[in-house]
PDB file of N, CA and C in Angstrom:
ATOM      1  N   MET A   1     -59.697 -19.266  16.926  1.00  0.00           N
ATOM      2  CA  MET A   1     -58.861 -20.305  16.381  1.00  0.00           C
ATOM      3  C   MET A   1     -59.523 -21.638  16.687  1.00  0.00           C
ATOM      4  N   SER A   2     -59.625 -22.498  15.698  1.00  0.00           N
ATOM      5  CA  SER A   2     -60.255 -23.791  15.906  1.00  0.00           C
ATOM      6  C   SER A   2     -59.249 -24.792  16.475  1.00  0.00           C
ATOM      7  N   PRO A   3     -59.725 -25.831  17.155  1.00  0.00           N
ATOM      8  CA  PRO A   3     -58.830 -26.827  17.722  1.00  0.00           C
ATOM      9  C   PRO A   3     -57.916 -27.428  16.662  1.00  0.00           C
ATOM     10  N   GLY A   4     -56.664 -27.637  17.030  1.00  0.00           N
ATOM     11  CA  GLY A   4     -55.705 -28.230  16.111  1.00  0.00           C
ATOM     12  C   GLY A   4     -55.004 -27.224  15.231  1.00  0.00           C
ATOM     13  N   GLN A   5     -55.487 -26.002  15.210  1.00  0.00           N
ATOM     14  CA  GLN A   5     -54.866 -24.967  14.416  1.00  0.00           C
ATOM     15  C   GLN A   5     -53.743 -24.331  15.222  1.00  0.00           C
ATOM     16  N   HIS A   6     -52.601 -24.145  14.616  1.00  0.00           N
ATOM     17  CA  HIS A   6     -51.466 -23.564  15.310  1.00  0.00           C
ATOM     18  C   HIS A   6     -51.149 -22.208  14.692  1.00  0.00           C
ATOM     19  N   ARG A   7     -50.817 -21.249  15.548  1.00  0.00           N
ATOM     20  CA  ARG A   7     -50.585 -19.887  15.099  1.00  0.00           C
ATOM     21  C   ARG A   7     -49.079 -19.591  15.104  1.00  0.00           C
ATOM     22  N   PRO A   8     -48.483 -19.264  13.938  1.00  0.00           N
ATOM     23  CA  PRO A   8     -47.055 -18.914  13.925  1.00  0.00           C
ATOM     24  C   PRO A   8     -46.821 -17.620  14.695  1.00  0.00           C
ATOM     25  N   VAL A   9     -45.734 -17.595  15.441  1.00  0.00           N
ATOM     26  CA  VAL A   9     -45.401 -16.425  16.241  1.00  0.00           C
ATOM     27  C   VAL A   9     -44.138 -15.757  15.705  1.00  0.00           C
ATOM     28  N   ARG A  10     -43.141 -16.586  15.389  1.00  0.00           N
ATOM     29  CA  ARG A  10     -41.857 -16.029  14.961  1.00  0.00           C
ATOM     30  C   ARG A  10     -41.113 -17.063  14.129  1.00  0.00           C
ATOM     31  N   LEU A  11     -40.386 -16.603  13.114  1.00  0.00           N
ATOM     32  CA  LEU A  11     -39.504 -17.454  12.328  1.00  0.00           C
ATOM     33  C   LEU A  11     -38.086 -16.938  12.545  1.00  0.00           C
ATOM     34  N   GLU A  12     -37.263 -17.760  13.145  1.00  0.00           N
ATOM     35  CA  GLU A  12     -35.886 -17.392  13.470  1.00  0.00           C
ATOM     36  C   GLU A  12     -34.972 -18.014  12.414  1.00  0.00           C
ATOM     37  N   VAL A  13     -34.471 -17.200  11.483  1.00  0.00           N
ATOM     38  CA  VAL A  13     -33.628 -17.694  10.390  1.00  0.00           C
ATOM     39  C   VAL A  13     -32.181 -17.772  10.867  1.00  0.00           C
ATOM     40  N   HIS A  14     -31.602 -18.965  10.743  1.00  0.00           N
ATOM     41  CA  HIS A  14     -30.227 -19.194  11.185  1.00  0.00           C
ATOM     42  C   HIS A  14     -29.235 -19.072  10.029  1.00  0.00           C
ATOM     43  N   ALA A  15     -29.655 -19.469   8.832  1.00  0.00           N
ATOM     44  CA  ALA A  15     -28.755 -19.425   7.677  1.00  0.00           C
ATOM     45  C   ALA A  15     -29.558 -19.318   6.391  1.00  0.00           C
ATOM     46  N   ARG A  16     -28.980 -18.635   5.417  1.00  0.00           N
ATOM     47  CA  ARG A  16     -29.554 -18.517   4.070  1.00  0.00           C
ATOM     48  C   ARG A  16     -28.453 -18.862   3.092  1.00  0.00           C
ATOM     49  N   GLU A  17     -28.758 -19.713   2.127  1.00  0.00           N
ATOM     50  CA  GLU A  17     -27.772 -20.053   1.113  1.00  0.00           C
ATOM     51  C   GLU A  17     -28.471 -20.293  -0.215  1.00  0.00           C
ATOM     52  N   PRO A  18     -27.773 -20.098  -1.304  1.00  0.00           N
ATOM     53  CA  PRO A  18     -28.396 -20.289  -2.613  1.00  0.00           C
ATOM     54  C   PRO A  18     -28.744 -21.751  -2.879  1.00  0.00           C
ATOM     55  N   PHE A  19     -29.816 -21.949  -3.589  1.00  0.00           N
ATOM     56  CA  PHE A  19     -30.236 -23.286  -4.015  1.00  0.00           C
ATOM     57  C   PHE A  19     -29.802 -23.488  -5.452  1.00  0.00           C
ATOM     58  N   ALA A  20     -29.377 -24.683  -5.797  1.00  0.00           N
ATOM     59  CA  ALA A  20     -28.993 -25.039  -7.177  1.00  0.00           C
ATOM     60  C   ALA A  20     -27.939 -24.079  -7.719  1.00  0.00           C
ATOM     61  N   GLU A  21     -26.961 -23.787  -6.856  1.00  0.00           N
ATOM     62  CA  GLU A  21     -25.849 -22.900  -7.237  1.00  0.00           C
ATOM     63  C   GLU A  21     -26.348 -21.547  -7.751  1.00  0.00           C
ATOM     64  N   ALA A  22     -27.412 -21.059  -7.154  1.00  0.00           N
ATOM     65  CA  ALA A  22     -28.013 -19.761  -7.462  1.00  0.00           C
ATOM     66  C   ALA A  22     -28.566 -19.675  -8.888  1.00  0.00           C
ATOM     67  N   TYR A  23     -28.896 -20.809  -9.458  1.00  0.00           N
ATOM     68  CA  TYR A  23     -29.494 -20.824 -10.797  1.00  0.00           C
ATOM     69  C   TYR A  23     -30.765 -19.994 -10.792  1.00  0.00           C
ATOM     70  N   ARG A  24     -30.930 -19.154 -11.793  1.00  0.00           N
ATOM     71  CA  ARG A  24     -32.138 -18.335 -11.922  1.00  0.00           C
ATOM     72  C   ARG A  24     -33.115 -19.066 -12.834  1.00  0.00           C
ATOM     73  N   PHE A  25     -34.170 -19.589 -12.257  1.00  0.00           N
ATOM     74  CA  PHE A  25     -35.168 -20.330 -13.016  1.00  0.00           C
ATOM     75  C   PHE A  25     -35.964 -19.365 -13.885  1.00  0.00           C
ATOM     76  N   PRO A  26     -36.185 -19.710 -15.151  1.00  0.00           N
ATOM     77  CA  PRO A  26     -36.891 -18.825 -16.080  1.00  0.00           C
ATOM     78  C   PRO A  26     -38.281 -18.434 -15.555  1.00  0.00           C
ATOM     79  N   GLY A  27     -38.556 -17.158 -15.553  1.00  0.00           N
ATOM     80  CA  GLY A  27     -39.854 -16.656 -15.137  1.00  0.00           C
ATOM     81  C   GLY A  27     -40.074 -16.636 -13.632  1.00  0.00           C
ATOM     82  N   ILE A  28     -39.113 -17.151 -12.849  1.00  0.00           N
ATOM     83  CA  ILE A  28     -39.282 -17.218 -11.400  1.00  0.00           C
ATOM     84  C   ILE A  28     -38.128 -16.554 -10.674  1.00  0.00           C
ATOM     85  N   GLY A  29     -36.911 -16.912 -11.043  1.00  0.00           N
ATOM     86  CA  GLY A  29     -35.733 -16.381 -10.367  1.00  0.00           C
ATOM     87  C   GLY A  29     -35.062 -17.437  -9.514  1.00  0.00           C
ATOM     88  N   ALA A  30     -34.149 -16.997  -8.695  1.00  0.00           N
ATOM     89  CA  ALA A  30     -33.367 -17.909  -7.861  1.00  0.00           C
ATOM     90  C   ALA A  30     -34.115 -18.277  -6.587  1.00  0.00           C
ATOM     91  N   TYR A  31     -33.823 -19.461  -6.079  1.00  0.00           N
ATOM     92  CA  TYR A  31     -34.368 -19.924  -4.807  1.00  0.00           C
ATOM     93  C   TYR A  31     -33.274 -19.884  -3.746  1.00  0.00           C
ATOM     94  N   GLU A  32     -33.684 -19.900  -2.490  1.00  0.00           N
ATOM     95  CA  GLU A  32     -32.754 -19.972  -1.380  1.00  0.00           C
ATOM     96  C   GLU A  32     -33.143 -21.129  -0.472  1.00  0.00           C
ATOM     97  N   VAL A  33     -32.149 -21.679   0.216  1.00  0.00           N
ATOM     98  CA  VAL A  33     -32.394 -22.682   1.248  1.00  0.00           C
ATOM     99  C   VAL A  33     -32.284 -21.969   2.585  1.00  0.00           C
ATOM    100  N   LEU A  34     -33.325 -22.047   3.386  1.00  0.00           N
ATOM    101  CA  LEU A  34     -33.322 -21.433   4.705  1.00  0.00           C
ATOM    102  C   LEU A  34     -33.205 -22.508   5.767  1.00  0.00           C
ATOM    103  N   THR A  35     -32.347 -22.282   6.740  1.00  0.00           N
ATOM    104  CA  THR A  35     -32.298 -23.105   7.933  1.00  0.00           C
ATOM    105  C   THR A  35     -32.880 -22.238   9.032  1.00  0.00           C
ATOM    106  N   ALA A  36     -33.980 -22.698   9.629  1.00  0.00           N
ATOM    107  CA  ALA A  36     -34.712 -21.830  10.546  1.00  0.00           C
ATOM    108  C   ALA A  36     -35.419 -22.636  11.629  1.00  0.00           C
ATOM    109  N   THR A  37     -35.836 -21.916  12.655  1.00  0.00           N
ATOM    110  CA  THR A  37     -36.668 -22.472  13.714  1.00  0.00           C
ATOM    111  C   THR A  37     -37.983 -21.713  13.692  1.00  0.00           C
ATOM    112  N   ALA A  38     -39.087 -22.454  13.588  1.00  0.00           N
ATOM    113  CA  ALA A  38     -40.412 -21.839  13.620  1.00  0.00           C
ATOM    114  C   ALA A  38     -40.950 -21.929  15.041  1.00  0.00           C
ATOM    115  N   HIS A  39     -41.396 -20.811  15.572  1.00  0.00           N
ATOM    116  CA  HIS A  39     -42.009 -20.755  16.899  1.00  0.00           C
ATOM    117  C   HIS A  39     -43.501 -20.514  16.683  1.00  0.00           C
ATOM    118  N   TYR A  40     -44.333 -21.262  17.394  1.00  0.00           N
ATOM    119  CA  TYR A  40     -45.778 -21.119  17.232  1.00  0.00           C
ATOM    120  C   TYR A  40     -46.481 -21.452  18.530  1.00  0.00           C
ATOM    121  N   THR A  41     -47.741 -21.112  18.590  1.00  0.00           N
ATOM    122  CA  THR A  41     -48.545 -21.408  19.772  1.00  0.00           C
ATOM    123  C   THR A  41     -49.536 -22.516  19.440  1.00  0.00           C
ATOM    124  N   MET A  42     -49.964 -23.183  20.466  1.00  0.00           N
ATOM    125  CA  MET A  42     -51.006 -24.190  20.310  1.00  0.00           C
ATOM    126  C   MET A  42     -51.856 -24.192  21.571  1.00  0.00           C
ATOM    127  N   ASP A  43     -53.057 -24.648  21.432  1.00  0.00           N
ATOM    128  CA  ASP A  43     -53.980 -24.693  22.567  1.00  0.00           C
ATOM    129  C   ASP A  43     -53.811 -26.025  23.290  1.00  0.00           C
ATOM    130  N   PRO A  44     -53.246 -26.020  24.502  1.00  0.00           N
ATOM    131  CA  PRO A  44     -53.023 -27.273  25.221  1.00  0.00           C
ATOM    132  C   PRO A  44     -54.320 -27.961  25.635  1.00  0.00           C
ATOM    133  N   LYS A  45     -55.431 -27.228  25.615  1.00  0.00           N
ATOM    134  CA  LYS A  45     -56.714 -27.812  26.004  1.00  0.00           C
ATOM    135  C   LYS A  45     -57.469 -28.432  24.833  1.00  0.00           C
ATOM    136  N   ALA A  46     -57.009 -28.201  23.606  1.00  0.00           N
ATOM    137  CA  ALA A  46     -57.684 -28.762  22.432  1.00  0.00           C
ATOM    138  C   ALA A  46     -57.496 -30.278  22.412  1.00  0.00           C
ATOM    139  N   ALA A  47     -58.558 -31.000  22.152  1.00  0.00           N
ATOM    140  CA  ALA A  47     -58.516 -32.464  22.168  1.00  0.00           C
ATOM    141  C   ALA A  47     -57.441 -33.019  21.232  1.00  0.00           C
ATOM    142  N   VAL A  48     -57.261 -32.390  20.103  1.00  0.00           N
ATOM    143  CA  VAL A  48     -56.277 -32.877  19.132  1.00  0.00           C
ATOM    144  C   VAL A  48     -54.844 -32.825  19.689  1.00  0.00           C
ATOM    145  N   ASN A  49     -54.592 -31.984  20.686  1.00  0.00           N
ATOM    146  CA  ASN A  49     -53.250 -31.852  21.262  1.00  0.00           C
ATOM    147  C   ASN A  49     -53.051 -32.695  22.526  1.00  0.00           C
ATOM    148  N   HIS A  50     -54.053 -33.421  22.967  1.00  0.00           N
ATOM    149  CA  HIS A  50     -53.954 -34.198  24.200  1.00  0.00           C
ATOM    150  C   HIS A  50     -52.921 -35.310  24.114  1.00  0.00           C
ATOM    151  N   ALA A  51     -52.564 -35.747  22.919  1.00  0.00           N
ATOM    152  CA  ALA A  51     -51.581 -36.825  22.763  1.00  0.00           C
ATOM    153  C   ALA A  51     -50.144 -36.337  22.986  1.00  0.00           C
ATOM    154  N   ILE A  52     -49.934 -35.033  23.077  1.00  0.00           N
ATOM    155  CA  ILE A  52     -48.598 -34.481  23.280  1.00  0.00           C
ATOM    156  C   ILE A  52     -48.270 -34.545  24.763  1.00  0.00           C
ATOM    157  N   PRO A  53     -47.281 -35.386  25.145  1.00  0.00           N
ATOM    158  CA  PRO A  53     -46.964 -35.542  26.569  1.00  0.00           C
ATOM    159  C   PRO A  53     -46.477 -34.239  27.201  1.00  0.00           C
ATOM    160  N   ASP A  54     -46.952 -33.943  28.382  1.00  0.00           N
ATOM    161  CA  ASP A  54     -46.487 -32.815  29.200  1.00  0.00           C
ATOM    162  C   ASP A  54     -46.613 -31.448  28.519  1.00  0.00           C
ATOM    163  N   LEU A  55     -47.523 -31.318  27.567  1.00  0.00           N
ATOM    164  CA  LEU A  55     -47.696 -30.026  26.899  1.00  0.00           C
ATOM    165  C   LEU A  55     -48.030 -28.930  27.900  1.00  0.00           C
ATOM    166  N   ASP A  56     -48.775 -29.283  28.934  1.00  0.00           N
ATOM    167  CA  ASP A  56     -49.147 -28.288  29.941  1.00  0.00           C
ATOM    168  C   ASP A  56     -47.943 -27.817  30.762  1.00  0.00           C
ATOM    169  N   LEU A  57     -46.805 -28.481  30.637  1.00  0.00           N
ATOM    170  CA  LEU A  57     -45.592 -28.083  31.355  1.00  0.00           C
ATOM    171  C   LEU A  57     -44.628 -27.272  30.482  1.00  0.00           C
ATOM    172  N   ALA A  58     -45.030 -26.953  29.273  1.00  0.00           N
ATOM    173  CA  ALA A  58     -44.150 -26.224  28.341  1.00  0.00           C
ATOM    174  C   ALA A  58     -43.733 -24.878  28.927  1.00  0.00           C
ATOM    175  N   PRO A  59     -42.459 -24.481  28.714  1.00  0.00           N
ATOM    176  CA  PRO A  59     -41.978 -23.206  29.242  1.00  0.00           C
ATOM    177  C   PRO A  59     -42.829 -22.033  28.750  1.00  0.00           C
ATOM    178  N   GLY A  60     -43.149 -21.138  29.645  1.00  0.00           N
ATOM    179  CA  GLY A  60     -43.889 -19.934  29.289  1.00  0.00           C
ATOM    180  C   GLY A  60     -45.391 -20.106  29.239  1.00  0.00           C
ATOM    181  N   LEU A  61     -45.870 -21.330  29.264  1.00  0.00           N
ATOM    182  CA  LEU A  61     -47.308 -21.559  29.130  1.00  0.00           C
ATOM    183  C   LEU A  61     -48.080 -20.954  30.296  1.00  0.00           C
ATOM    184  N   GLN A  62     -47.559 -21.044  31.501  1.00  0.00           N
ATOM    185  CA  GLN A  62     -48.244 -20.517  32.676  1.00  0.00           C
ATOM    186  C   GLN A  62     -48.317 -18.992  32.653  1.00  0.00           C
ATOM    187  N   SER A  63     -47.400 -18.335  31.947  1.00  0.00           N
ATOM    188  CA  SER A  63     -47.405 -16.875  31.918  1.00  0.00           C
ATOM    189  C   SER A  63     -48.329 -16.310  30.853  1.00  0.00           C
ATOM    190  N   ARG A  64     -48.951 -17.184  30.062  1.00  0.00           N
ATOM    191  CA  ARG A  64     -49.850 -16.732  28.997  1.00  0.00           C
ATOM    192  C   ARG A  64     -51.278 -16.633  29.512  1.00  0.00           C
ATOM    193  N   CYS A  65     -52.147 -16.324  28.606  1.00  0.00           N
ATOM    194  CA  CYS A  65     -53.564 -16.252  28.966  1.00  0.00           C
ATOM    195  C   CYS A  65     -54.034 -17.595  29.498  1.00  0.00           C
ATOM    196  N   LYS A  66     -55.198 -17.636  30.124  1.00  0.00           N
ATOM    197  CA  LYS A  66     -55.691 -18.854  30.733  1.00  0.00           C
ATOM    198  C   LYS A  66     -55.879 -19.991  29.739  1.00  0.00           C
ATOM    199  N   ASP A  67     -56.063 -19.688  28.450  1.00  0.00           N
ATOM    200  CA  ASP A  67     -56.232 -20.753  27.454  1.00  0.00           C
ATOM    201  C   ASP A  67     -54.917 -21.180  26.819  1.00  0.00           C
ATOM    202  N   GLY A  68     -53.784 -20.600  27.260  1.00  0.00           N
ATOM    203  CA  GLY A  68     -52.483 -20.979  26.744  1.00  0.00           C
ATOM    204  C   GLY A  68     -52.060 -20.236  25.491  1.00  0.00           C
ATOM    205  N   LEU A  69     -52.909 -19.361  25.022  1.00  0.00           N
ATOM    206  CA  LEU A  69     -52.598 -18.588  23.805  1.00  0.00           C
ATOM    207  C   LEU A  69     -52.166 -17.188  24.187  1.00  0.00           C
ATOM    208  N   PRO A  70     -51.266 -16.597  23.373  1.00  0.00           N
ATOM    209  CA  PRO A  70     -50.802 -15.238  23.699  1.00  0.00           C
ATOM    210  C   PRO A  70     -51.902 -14.211  23.560  1.00  0.00           C
TER     211      PRO A  70
END
């Protein structure tokens, strides 16, 4: 993984609801609105992430591999 690249780990969907009153768009179909939380990993040692305050104190980071990635 190159610096600055973040790896998705889990998408936690909280709610799903129809978009545009469930209108079925021609040739595509209906859309949904998702309310969700995206969980991902990042390399705390990558220079691009150094501007994030206290990233090295993030929960669970110490229990991961030495580079902070799962």
